[in-house]
Amino acid sequence: MKAWICALLSLFISPLASASDGVDQAINEAIAPISNVIAGIVFYSVPVGDASLPLIVVWLVVAAIFFTVYFGFINVRGFSHSIKVVRGDFTNPRDKGEVSHFQALTAALSGTVGLGNIAGVAIAVSIGGPGATFWMIVGGLLGMSSKFVECTLGVKYRNINPDGSVSGGPMYYLSKGLAEQGKAGLGKFLAVFFAICCIGGAFGAGNMFQANQAVQQVISVTGGDASFFAGQAWVLGLVMAVLVGIVIIGGIKSIGRVTERIVPFMAGIYVAAALVILFMNMEKIPEAFGLIFAGAFSAAGVTGGVIGCMIQGFKRASFSNEAGIGSAAIAHSAVKTNEPLSEGFVSLLEPFIDTVVICTMTALVIVITGAYANNAGLGGVALTSSAFESAISWFPYVLAVAVVLFAFSTMLSWSYYGTKAWTYLFGESKASDLTFKFIFCGFVVVGASMSLGPVIDFSDSMIFAMSIANIAGLYMLAPVVKRELSSYLARINSGEITNHRTETVEEEGGDTATV
């Protein structure tokens, strides 16, 4: 099966890639009018002082604040329990599902840890100054609560298919959860709206953009315009498509096995490089934190003082960890558990790792090296690369590997998100599943070969439009999660939900041990 898919991909893409310039122009011209209208609606902004505030960011941040307060700061008091669940303390191997808690976490992380952590943070700091880092961290901490709600609901309302596979996510908890409240029509509408937007986002920002940026980074470190790949980007795209296809054909189990290795590895490389630079500049760390805190509350700033700085920080946090978007709930729904709340706790770690740890490390390096002030003409990946290169001369090569791995893992996760949205709309069948995956792999090559332009504007709009339906449903279903939380904590305290690691020690050694 893998062989014929690869052969078909080559036959399907090669003629298209050879005429990529004409295809670029035709597609961009066709999509631009639609993209401009949709992006104008989804990212509609209002002036706040000298800054511009996208209302979609307000929608996401206000929801995160509400869920943080409504659930009694679950993002703080539930953190230690989330670590216990991820390491398997409360895992029952007999529970239904497809992947472990750790695999579900890494699969979801692979969809968020990526270019936003490298390029997006640089943009936020270069525009909002060092103070944007503070608000980015706050946004990440608040986003943990949104993830908690959506991932709990994802497991509670998921479908366990006859073959043991799982289908879950906002499509299911919007339709089934709201139907329980007598709002079946509204739930179905929101679910379909979400699924359509998810498919659009999967093809664009979750696929074509990732392939494009990975290829551009490889070309950059292999000679730029003189690189062999400069005129043959589709070759790299085809290689990536084949690798993606090999993994995603196996579904979430295969994706989970790959991401549980790739995500820790790529994050480890990136964070290790950042720590080396921080260690080399230890004397500058107090000054950097001083700039971050002072900038966060300064009346004077690059984009309108504290308000502009806050906007940049919250915007980057929202765009990076996707809390409230609903995408991660699709991956978390596949976990092996009979306790929806257990995966809600696991999901708390996702924005923390993505935003509070990795994004903050990027920002600290940019601030400590002074790259944000000394490279005014640079932005995005180039600024981050310059900051790391100032201390580690060969870092651009490491960054190229990181970008490719980030892009590859993001494509894996978004292929799964798109597949579940597609099968929700067109039916759970092998043919429907393979159809989407084949099209998805084709778009990997197209994305690598094209200058995307309005295509990415459109797909970005689709991703954030997902939050319109998702958060509306989360508000209505929040009481359900609150009842589940009360029940779960009561059963944890009573011992009804058992720590299986402790249980195993008791069985093997005969003595009680606390793990």
Protein backbone atom coordinates (compact mmCIF):
# COMPACT_ATOMS: atom_id res chain seq x y z
CA MET A 1 0.00 0.00 0.00
CA LYS A 2 2.78 2.41 0.91
CA ALA A 3 4.53 1.74 -2.42
CA TRP A 4 1.53 2.55 -4.61
CA ILE A 5 0.72 5.66 -2.59
CA CYS A 6 4.27 6.95 -3.12
CA ALA A 7 4.11 6.12 -6.85
CA LEU A 8 0.78 7.87 -7.26
CA LEU A 9 2.09 10.89 -5.38
CA SER A 10 5.02 11.15 -7.78
CA LEU A 11 2.78 10.90 -10.84
CA PHE A 12 0.30 13.38 -9.38
CA ILE A 13 2.78 16.01 -8.27
CA SER A 14 5.62 16.03 -10.82
CA PRO A 15 3.68 17.73 -13.66
CA LEU A 16 2.26 20.22 -11.18
CA ALA A 17 5.65 21.03 -9.69
CA SER A 18 7.22 21.61 -13.12
CA ALA A 19 4.77 24.43 -13.73
CA SER A 20 4.86 25.77 -10.19
CA ASP A 21 5.30 29.44 -11.12
CA GLY A 22 2.11 29.50 -13.17
CA VAL A 23 0.29 27.44 -10.56
CA ASP A 24 1.47 29.82 -7.82
CA GLN A 25 0.08 32.83 -9.59
CA ALA A 26 -3.19 31.18 -10.61
CA ILE A 27 -3.92 29.81 -7.13
CA ASN A 28 -2.95 33.01 -5.33
CA GLU A 29 -5.03 35.15 -7.67
CA ALA A 30 -8.03 32.85 -7.24
CA ILE A 31 -7.79 32.65 -3.45
CA ALA A 32 -6.72 36.22 -2.67
CA PRO A 33 -10.20 37.82 -2.83
CA ILE A 34 -11.73 35.10 -0.64
CA SER A 35 -8.74 35.03 1.70
CA ASN A 36 -8.78 38.80 2.20
CA VAL A 37 -12.45 38.82 3.13
CA ILE A 38 -12.25 35.87 5.54
CA ALA A 39 -8.99 37.06 7.14
CA GLY A 40 -10.50 40.52 7.51
CA ILE A 41 -13.42 39.03 9.47
CA VAL A 42 -11.53 36.49 11.60
CA PHE A 43 -8.63 38.81 12.42
CA TYR A 44 -10.70 41.98 12.66
CA SER A 45 -8.78 44.41 14.86
CA VAL A 46 -9.67 47.49 16.84
CA PRO A 47 -7.25 50.30 17.73
CA VAL A 48 -6.15 50.38 21.37
CA GLY A 49 -3.89 53.34 21.91
CA ASP A 50 -1.17 53.10 19.30
CA ALA A 51 -1.63 49.35 18.95
CA SER A 52 -4.06 47.16 17.02
CA LEU A 53 -5.93 44.43 18.92
CA PRO A 54 -7.33 41.41 17.00
CA LEU A 55 -10.70 40.53 18.52
CA ILE A 56 -10.00 36.82 18.05
CA VAL A 57 -7.18 37.18 20.61
CA VAL A 58 -9.66 38.80 23.02
CA TRP A 59 -12.03 35.86 22.41
CA LEU A 60 -9.28 33.37 23.31
CA VAL A 61 -7.80 35.24 26.28
CA VAL A 62 -11.13 36.10 27.92
CA ALA A 63 -12.16 32.44 27.68
CA ALA A 64 -8.86 31.36 29.24
CA ILE A 65 -9.34 33.81 32.12
CA PHE A 66 -12.93 32.64 32.63
CA PHE A 67 -12.00 28.93 32.75
CA THR A 68 -9.06 29.64 35.07
CA VAL A 69 -11.36 31.34 37.60
CA TYR A 70 -14.35 29.02 37.05
CA PHE A 71 -12.26 25.92 37.79
CA GLY A 72 -10.47 27.44 40.77
CA PHE A 73 -7.07 27.95 39.11
CA ILE A 74 -6.86 24.35 37.96
CA ASN A 75 -3.79 25.31 35.92
CA VAL A 76 -1.88 25.76 39.20
CA ARG A 77 -3.43 23.28 41.63
CA GLY A 78 -3.66 20.49 39.07
CA PHE A 79 -0.08 20.71 37.80
CA SER A 80 1.49 18.09 40.06
CA HIS A 81 -1.32 15.62 39.40
CA SER A 82 -0.88 16.06 35.65
CA ILE A 83 2.75 14.94 35.94
CA LYS A 84 1.69 11.84 37.90
CA VAL A 85 -0.86 10.91 35.23
CA VAL A 86 1.61 11.39 32.36
CA ARG A 87 4.20 9.16 34.00
CA GLY A 88 1.58 6.41 34.31
CA ASP A 89 0.65 6.48 38.00
CA PHE A 90 -3.08 6.20 37.26
CA THR A 91 -2.89 4.29 33.99
CA ASN A 92 -4.99 1.16 33.70
CA PRO A 93 -3.85 -0.91 30.69
CA ARG A 94 -7.37 -2.34 30.39
CA ASP A 95 -8.90 1.07 29.60
CA LYS A 96 -10.19 1.76 26.10
CA GLY A 97 -8.24 3.93 23.68
CA GLU A 98 -5.33 3.83 21.27
CA VAL A 99 -2.35 5.66 22.81
CA SER A 100 -0.80 6.29 26.22
CA HIS A 101 -1.11 9.56 28.09
CA PHE A 102 2.45 10.44 27.12
CA GLN A 103 1.87 9.63 23.44
CA ALA A 104 -1.31 11.70 23.38
CA LEU A 105 0.58 14.61 24.93
CA THR A 106 3.47 14.42 22.46
CA ALA A 107 1.10 14.02 19.51
CA ALA A 108 -0.73 17.20 20.56
CA LEU A 109 2.55 18.99 21.31
CA SER A 110 3.88 18.13 17.87
CA GLY A 111 1.02 20.15 16.42
CA THR A 112 1.88 23.26 18.44
CA VAL A 113 5.63 23.12 19.07
CA GLY A 114 7.05 24.42 15.82
CA LEU A 115 7.81 27.53 13.85
CA GLY A 116 5.71 29.65 16.18
CA ASN A 117 8.22 28.93 18.93
CA ILE A 118 11.10 30.00 16.69
CA ALA A 119 9.77 32.70 14.37
CA GLY A 120 6.68 33.93 16.18
CA VAL A 121 8.46 34.72 19.43
CA ALA A 122 11.09 36.71 17.55
CA ILE A 123 8.36 38.75 15.90
CA ALA A 124 6.65 39.41 19.25
CA VAL A 125 9.88 40.57 20.90
CA SER A 126 11.00 42.68 17.93
CA ILE A 127 7.62 44.47 17.86
CA GLY A 128 6.58 44.50 21.51
CA GLY A 129 10.02 44.57 23.09
CA PRO A 130 11.31 42.26 25.86
CA GLY A 131 8.18 42.95 27.93
CA ALA A 132 6.10 40.92 25.47
CA THR A 133 7.78 37.84 26.98
CA PHE A 134 6.07 38.44 30.33
CA TRP A 135 2.59 38.62 28.79
CA MET A 136 3.37 35.63 26.61
CA ILE A 137 4.09 33.60 29.75
CA VAL A 138 0.87 34.84 31.39
CA GLY A 139 -1.04 33.90 28.24
CA GLY A 140 0.48 30.42 28.30
CA LEU A 141 -0.44 29.87 31.95
CA LEU A 142 -4.03 30.99 31.34
CA GLY A 143 -4.27 28.85 28.20
CA MET A 144 -3.66 25.75 30.31
CA SER A 145 -7.21 26.07 31.67
CA SER A 146 -8.77 26.21 28.19
CA LYS A 147 -6.88 23.05 27.20
CA PHE A 148 -8.09 21.36 30.38
CA VAL A 149 -11.73 21.94 29.46
CA GLU A 150 -11.59 21.00 25.78
CA CYS A 151 -9.48 17.86 26.28
CA THR A 152 -11.70 16.60 29.11
CA LEU A 153 -14.73 17.00 26.86
CA GLY A 154 -12.87 15.36 23.98
CA VAL A 155 -12.49 12.12 25.95
CA LYS A 156 -15.96 12.26 27.53
CA TYR A 157 -17.84 12.51 24.23
CA ARG A 158 -15.54 10.51 21.95
CA ASN A 159 -16.70 7.58 19.81
CA ILE A 160 -15.08 4.17 20.23
CA ASN A 161 -15.40 2.55 16.81
CA PRO A 162 -16.02 -1.20 16.29
CA ASP A 163 -12.38 -1.77 15.33
CA GLY A 164 -11.19 -0.15 18.58
CA SER A 165 -10.12 3.10 16.95
CA VAL A 166 -11.23 6.39 18.47
CA SER A 167 -12.85 9.49 16.98
CA GLY A 168 -13.08 12.52 19.19
CA GLY A 169 -12.65 16.25 19.44
CA PRO A 170 -14.86 19.33 19.20
CA MET A 171 -16.97 17.85 16.39
CA TYR A 172 -18.21 15.20 18.80
CA TYR A 173 -18.55 17.11 22.05
CA LEU A 174 -20.27 20.02 20.30
CA SER A 175 -22.84 17.76 18.62
CA LYS A 176 -23.33 15.20 21.43
CA GLY A 177 -22.81 17.46 24.42
CA LEU A 178 -25.14 20.21 23.26
CA ALA A 179 -27.70 17.62 22.18
CA GLU A 180 -27.87 16.52 25.83
CA GLN A 181 -28.84 20.11 26.68
CA GLY A 182 -31.60 20.17 24.07
CA LYS A 183 -29.51 22.18 21.59
CA ALA A 184 -28.99 19.51 18.95
CA GLY A 185 -29.41 21.88 16.01
CA LEU A 186 -26.93 24.40 17.36
CA GLY A 187 -24.50 21.65 18.30
CA LYS A 188 -24.60 20.12 14.83
CA PHE A 189 -24.09 23.49 13.17
CA LEU A 190 -21.09 24.33 15.36
CA ALA A 191 -19.61 20.85 14.83
CA VAL A 192 -19.86 21.05 11.03
CA PHE A 193 -18.49 24.61 11.04
CA PHE A 194 -15.55 23.47 13.15
CA ALA A 195 -14.85 20.43 10.94
CA ILE A 196 -14.81 22.49 7.73
CA CYS A 197 -12.43 25.03 9.25
CA CYS A 198 -10.23 22.24 10.63
CA ILE A 199 -9.83 20.67 7.18
CA GLY A 200 -8.90 24.05 5.69
CA GLY A 201 -6.36 24.67 8.44
CA ALA A 202 -4.91 21.17 8.08
CA PHE A 203 -4.19 21.61 4.37
CA GLY A 204 -2.72 25.09 4.76
CA ALA A 205 -0.99 26.08 7.99
CA GLY A 206 -0.75 22.47 9.21
CA ASN A 207 0.72 21.21 5.96
CA MET A 208 1.70 23.52 3.10
CA PHE A 209 3.21 26.23 5.30
CA GLN A 210 5.20 23.67 7.30
CA ALA A 211 6.58 22.01 4.17
CA ASN A 212 7.39 25.38 2.61
CA GLN A 213 9.31 26.71 5.61
CA ALA A 214 11.21 23.45 6.13
CA VAL A 215 12.32 23.40 2.49
CA GLN A 216 13.32 27.07 2.58
CA GLN A 217 15.48 26.46 5.66
CA VAL A 218 17.20 23.48 3.99
CA ILE A 219 17.86 25.58 0.87
CA SER A 220 19.23 28.38 3.06
CA VAL A 221 21.88 26.20 4.73
CA THR A 222 22.84 24.34 1.52
CA GLY A 223 23.86 27.35 -0.53
CA GLY A 224 20.80 29.56 -0.88
CA ASP A 225 20.08 30.41 -4.52
CA ALA A 226 23.08 28.29 -5.54
CA SER A 227 21.64 25.20 -3.81
CA PHE A 228 20.58 22.29 -6.00
CA PHE A 229 17.22 22.36 -4.25
CA ALA A 230 16.61 26.05 -5.05
CA GLY A 231 15.05 25.06 -8.35
CA GLN A 232 13.96 21.58 -7.28
CA ALA A 233 12.02 22.25 -4.07
CA TRP A 234 9.43 19.69 -5.09
CA VAL A 235 12.05 16.92 -4.67
CA LEU A 236 12.38 17.73 -0.96
CA GLY A 237 8.62 18.04 -0.80
CA LEU A 238 8.19 14.58 -2.31
CA VAL A 239 10.61 13.07 0.22
CA MET A 240 8.69 14.70 3.07
CA ALA A 241 5.38 13.55 1.59
CA VAL A 242 6.57 9.95 1.43
CA LEU A 243 7.81 10.06 5.03
CA VAL A 244 4.58 11.66 6.21
CA GLY A 245 2.54 9.11 4.26
CA ILE A 246 4.42 6.16 5.76
CA VAL A 247 3.62 7.38 9.27
CA ILE A 248 0.03 8.60 8.90
CA ILE A 249 -1.22 5.48 7.13
CA GLY A 250 -0.93 3.76 10.51
CA GLY A 251 -3.22 6.30 12.20
CA ILE A 252 -2.83 7.76 15.67
CA LYS A 253 -0.96 4.73 17.02
CA SER A 254 1.76 5.18 14.41
CA ILE A 255 1.78 8.95 14.89
CA GLY A 256 2.03 8.51 18.66
CA ARG A 257 5.00 6.14 18.34
CA VAL A 258 6.85 8.64 16.16
CA THR A 259 6.00 11.81 18.07
CA GLU A 260 6.91 10.33 21.46
CA ARG A 261 10.46 10.11 20.07
CA ILE A 262 10.63 13.20 17.85
CA VAL A 263 9.05 15.75 20.19
CA PRO A 264 11.34 15.16 23.20
CA PHE A 265 14.34 14.94 20.86
CA MET A 266 13.70 18.12 18.91
CA ALA A 267 12.60 20.08 21.97
CA GLY A 268 15.63 18.78 23.84
CA ILE A 269 18.05 19.93 21.13
CA TYR A 270 16.49 23.36 20.95
CA VAL A 271 16.25 23.91 24.70
CA ALA A 272 19.79 22.54 25.23
CA ALA A 273 21.17 25.07 22.75
CA ALA A 274 19.28 27.84 24.53
CA LEU A 275 20.60 26.71 27.92
CA VAL A 276 24.17 26.71 26.58
CA ILE A 277 23.77 30.32 25.50
CA LEU A 278 22.15 31.29 28.80
CA PHE A 279 25.00 29.60 30.67
CA MET A 280 27.55 31.45 28.54
CA ASN A 281 25.81 34.72 29.42
CA MET A 282 24.88 34.03 33.04
CA GLU A 283 25.88 37.51 34.14
CA LYS A 284 23.32 39.00 31.75
CA ILE A 285 20.33 36.93 32.95
CA PRO A 286 19.31 39.30 35.79
CA GLU A 287 19.48 42.22 33.38
CA ALA A 288 17.36 40.32 30.84
CA PHE A 289 14.65 39.60 33.41
CA GLY A 290 14.81 43.23 34.44
CA LEU A 291 14.16 44.29 30.84
CA ILE A 292 11.29 41.79 30.57
CA PHE A 293 9.50 42.94 33.73
CA ALA A 294 10.21 46.63 33.17
CA GLY A 295 9.05 46.40 29.56
CA ALA A 296 5.87 44.58 30.53
CA PHE A 297 4.64 47.56 32.53
CA SER A 298 6.46 50.43 30.87
CA ALA A 299 4.44 53.42 29.71
CA ALA A 300 6.74 53.78 26.72
CA GLY A 301 7.17 51.00 24.21
CA VAL A 302 7.56 50.07 20.60
CA THR A 303 3.85 49.47 19.99
CA GLY A 304 2.06 51.73 22.41
CA GLY A 305 3.57 50.93 25.79
CA VAL A 306 2.09 48.35 28.13
CA ILE A 307 -1.07 47.78 26.04
CA GLY A 308 0.87 47.13 22.86
CA CYS A 309 3.32 44.93 24.71
CA MET A 310 0.47 42.96 26.30
CA ILE A 311 -1.21 42.49 22.92
CA GLN A 312 1.97 41.09 21.36
CA GLY A 313 2.53 38.71 24.27
CA PHE A 314 -1.02 37.39 24.41
CA LYS A 315 -1.17 37.16 20.63
CA ARG A 316 1.98 35.04 20.48
CA ALA A 317 0.83 32.78 23.30
CA SER A 318 -2.54 32.23 21.61
CA PHE A 319 -1.00 31.59 18.20
CA SER A 320 1.64 29.25 19.63
CA ASN A 321 -0.20 26.90 21.99
CA GLU A 322 -3.63 27.02 20.25
CA ALA A 323 -5.47 26.86 23.57
CA GLY A 324 -9.15 27.29 22.82
CA ILE A 325 -8.75 26.36 19.15
CA GLY A 326 -9.87 22.78 19.85
CA SER A 327 -7.30 21.00 17.68
CA ALA A 328 -5.43 19.30 20.53
CA ALA A 329 -8.62 17.76 21.89
CA ILE A 330 -8.72 15.56 18.78
CA ALA A 331 -5.35 13.98 19.64
CA HIS A 332 -6.00 13.75 23.38
CA SER A 333 -9.31 11.96 22.71
CA ALA A 334 -7.44 8.87 21.52
CA VAL A 335 -5.86 8.23 24.93
CA LYS A 336 -6.28 4.95 26.80
CA THR A 337 -8.44 5.93 29.74
CA ASN A 338 -11.94 5.62 31.08
CA GLU A 339 -11.55 8.85 33.06
CA PRO A 340 -12.03 11.99 30.92
CA LEU A 341 -10.57 14.19 33.67
CA SER A 342 -7.27 12.32 33.64
CA GLU A 343 -6.56 13.58 30.12
CA GLY A 344 -7.79 17.03 31.05
CA PHE A 345 -5.02 17.11 33.65
CA VAL A 346 -2.45 15.82 31.12
CA SER A 347 -3.36 18.60 28.69
CA LEU A 348 -2.36 21.22 31.28
CA LEU A 349 1.25 20.42 30.44
CA GLU A 350 0.88 21.25 26.75
CA PRO A 351 0.72 25.09 26.90
CA PHE A 352 3.23 25.02 29.74
CA ILE A 353 5.84 23.17 27.68
CA ASP A 354 5.04 24.97 24.43
CA THR A 355 4.77 28.54 25.67
CA VAL A 356 6.07 28.88 29.21
CA VAL A 357 9.19 26.78 28.55
CA ILE A 358 10.13 26.72 24.85
CA CYS A 359 8.84 30.14 23.80
CA THR A 360 10.37 31.72 26.90
CA MET A 361 13.75 30.14 26.15
CA THR A 362 13.65 31.63 22.65
CA ALA A 363 12.74 35.05 24.01
CA LEU A 364 15.47 34.96 26.67
CA VAL A 365 18.14 34.15 24.09
CA ILE A 366 16.95 36.98 21.84
CA VAL A 367 16.96 39.43 24.77
CA ILE A 368 20.24 38.32 26.36
CA THR A 369 22.18 38.41 23.07
CA GLY A 370 20.67 41.80 22.22
CA ALA A 371 19.60 40.48 18.84
CA TYR A 372 16.23 42.24 18.98
CA ALA A 373 18.00 45.61 19.23
CA ASN A 374 21.06 44.92 17.05
CA ASN A 375 19.27 43.36 14.08
CA ALA A 376 16.49 45.79 13.33
CA GLY A 377 16.13 44.57 9.77
CA LEU A 378 15.62 40.93 10.72
CA GLY A 379 12.47 39.15 11.82
CA GLY A 380 11.08 35.68 12.40
CA VAL A 381 13.41 32.71 11.94
CA ALA A 382 16.25 34.97 10.73
CA LEU A 383 16.24 36.94 14.00
CA THR A 384 16.19 33.80 16.15
CA SER A 385 18.95 32.25 14.04
CA SER A 386 21.04 35.41 14.40
CA ALA A 387 20.58 35.41 18.18
CA PHE A 388 21.72 31.80 18.54
CA GLU A 389 24.49 32.17 15.95
CA SER A 390 26.02 35.06 17.90
CA ALA A 391 27.01 32.51 20.56
CA ILE A 392 27.07 29.25 18.57
CA SER A 393 28.48 29.80 15.08
CA TRP A 394 27.15 26.54 13.68
CA PHE A 395 23.67 26.92 15.14
CA PRO A 396 21.96 27.69 11.76
CA TYR A 397 22.56 24.03 10.87
CA VAL A 398 21.01 22.90 14.13
CA LEU A 399 18.12 25.26 13.50
CA ALA A 400 17.64 23.77 10.03
CA VAL A 401 17.30 20.30 11.59
CA ALA A 402 14.95 21.67 14.27
CA VAL A 403 12.76 23.43 11.69
CA VAL A 404 12.49 20.28 9.57
CA LEU A 405 11.63 18.14 12.59
CA PHE A 406 9.18 20.73 13.91
CA ALA A 407 7.53 20.93 10.48
CA PHE A 408 7.42 17.15 10.05
CA SER A 409 5.85 16.51 13.45
CA THR A 410 3.34 19.32 12.96
CA MET A 411 2.25 17.77 9.66
CA LEU A 412 1.77 14.42 11.38
CA SER A 413 -0.55 15.90 14.00
CA TRP A 414 -2.52 18.05 11.59
CA SER A 415 -2.97 15.11 9.24
CA TYR A 416 -4.74 13.36 12.12
CA TYR A 417 -6.82 16.42 13.00
CA GLY A 418 -7.85 16.83 9.37
CA THR A 419 -8.59 13.14 8.97
CA LYS A 420 -10.97 13.13 11.94
CA ALA A 421 -12.72 16.27 10.72
CA TRP A 422 -12.99 14.75 7.23
CA THR A 423 -14.41 11.43 8.43
CA TYR A 424 -16.85 13.29 10.70
CA LEU A 425 -18.26 15.00 7.62
CA PHE A 426 -17.98 12.16 5.09
CA GLY A 427 -18.30 9.05 7.24
CA GLU A 428 -16.04 6.67 9.13
CA SER A 429 -14.68 4.33 6.47
CA LYS A 430 -11.30 3.14 5.27
CA ALA A 431 -11.88 4.71 1.86
CA SER A 432 -12.76 8.08 3.36
CA ASP A 433 -9.73 7.91 5.66
CA LEU A 434 -7.28 7.05 2.87
CA THR A 435 -8.75 9.65 0.51
CA PHE A 436 -7.96 12.46 2.91
CA LYS A 437 -4.47 11.13 3.67
CA PHE A 438 -3.64 10.83 -0.03
CA ILE A 439 -4.77 14.41 -0.70
CA PHE A 440 -2.87 15.60 2.39
CA CYS A 441 0.39 14.05 1.16
CA GLY A 442 -0.11 15.66 -2.24
CA PHE A 443 -0.41 19.07 -0.62
CA VAL A 444 2.95 18.53 1.14
CA VAL A 445 4.68 18.62 -2.25
CA VAL A 446 2.56 21.50 -3.51
CA GLY A 447 3.39 23.52 -0.39
CA ALA A 448 7.11 22.85 -0.75
CA SER A 449 7.06 24.03 -4.37
CA MET A 450 4.93 27.17 -4.09
CA SER A 451 5.13 30.69 -2.78
CA LEU A 452 2.00 30.44 -0.71
CA GLY A 453 0.83 34.01 -0.16
CA PRO A 454 -2.95 34.21 0.30
CA VAL A 455 -3.20 30.43 0.75
CA ILE A 456 -1.61 30.74 4.20
CA ASP A 457 -3.69 33.81 5.09
CA PHE A 458 -6.77 31.74 4.31
CA SER A 459 -5.64 28.67 6.28
CA ASP A 460 -4.59 30.76 9.29
CA SER A 461 -8.07 32.24 9.26
CA MET A 462 -9.57 28.75 9.19
CA ILE A 463 -7.56 27.65 12.22
CA PHE A 464 -8.63 30.59 14.35
CA ALA A 465 -12.21 30.40 13.10
CA MET A 466 -12.24 26.97 14.75
CA SER A 467 -12.10 28.76 18.10
CA ILE A 468 -15.34 30.62 17.40
CA ALA A 469 -17.33 27.38 17.43
CA ASN A 470 -15.16 25.63 19.99
CA ILE A 471 -15.17 28.26 22.72
CA ALA A 472 -18.88 28.93 22.30
CA GLY A 473 -19.42 25.24 23.04
CA LEU A 474 -16.94 25.22 25.92
CA TYR A 475 -18.86 27.95 27.73
CA MET A 476 -22.09 25.93 27.46
CA LEU A 477 -20.41 22.64 28.46
CA ALA A 478 -18.27 24.02 31.30
CA PRO A 479 -20.79 22.86 33.98
CA VAL A 480 -20.41 19.30 32.65
CA VAL A 481 -16.66 19.47 33.18
CA LYS A 482 -17.14 20.94 36.65
CA ARG A 483 -19.32 17.99 37.69
CA GLU A 484 -16.78 15.57 36.22
CA LEU A 485 -13.99 17.31 38.13
CA SER A 486 -15.83 17.07 41.46
CA SER A 487 -16.50 13.38 40.91
CA TYR A 488 -12.93 12.64 39.81
CA LEU A 489 -11.29 14.40 42.75
CA ALA A 490 -13.68 12.73 45.21
CA ARG A 491 -12.82 9.28 43.82
CA ILE A 492 -9.08 10.09 43.86
CA ASN A 493 -9.33 11.08 47.52
CA SER A 494 -11.39 8.03 48.45
CA GLY A 495 -9.00 5.66 46.70
CA GLU A 496 -11.59 4.47 44.17
CA ILE A 497 -9.29 5.66 41.37
CA THR A 498 -6.12 3.73 42.15
CA ASN A 499 -2.49 4.68 41.74
CA HIS A 500 -1.54 1.64 39.65
CA ARG A 501 2.19 2.13 40.12
CA THR A 502 1.77 1.83 43.88
CA GLU A 503 -0.57 -1.10 43.35
CA THR A 504 2.09 -2.88 41.27
CA VAL A 505 4.76 -2.35 43.91
CA GLU A 506 2.46 -3.81 46.55
CA GLU A 507 1.77 -6.89 44.44
CA GLU A 508 5.40 -7.54 43.61
CA GLY A 509 7.08 -6.72 46.92
CA GLY A 510 4.34 -7.38 49.42
CA ASP A 511 4.97 -4.07 51.14
CA THR A 512 3.15 -0.80 50.63
CA ALA A 513 5.21 1.85 48.85
CA THR A 514 4.28 5.40 48.01
CA VAL A 515 5.29 6.39 44.48
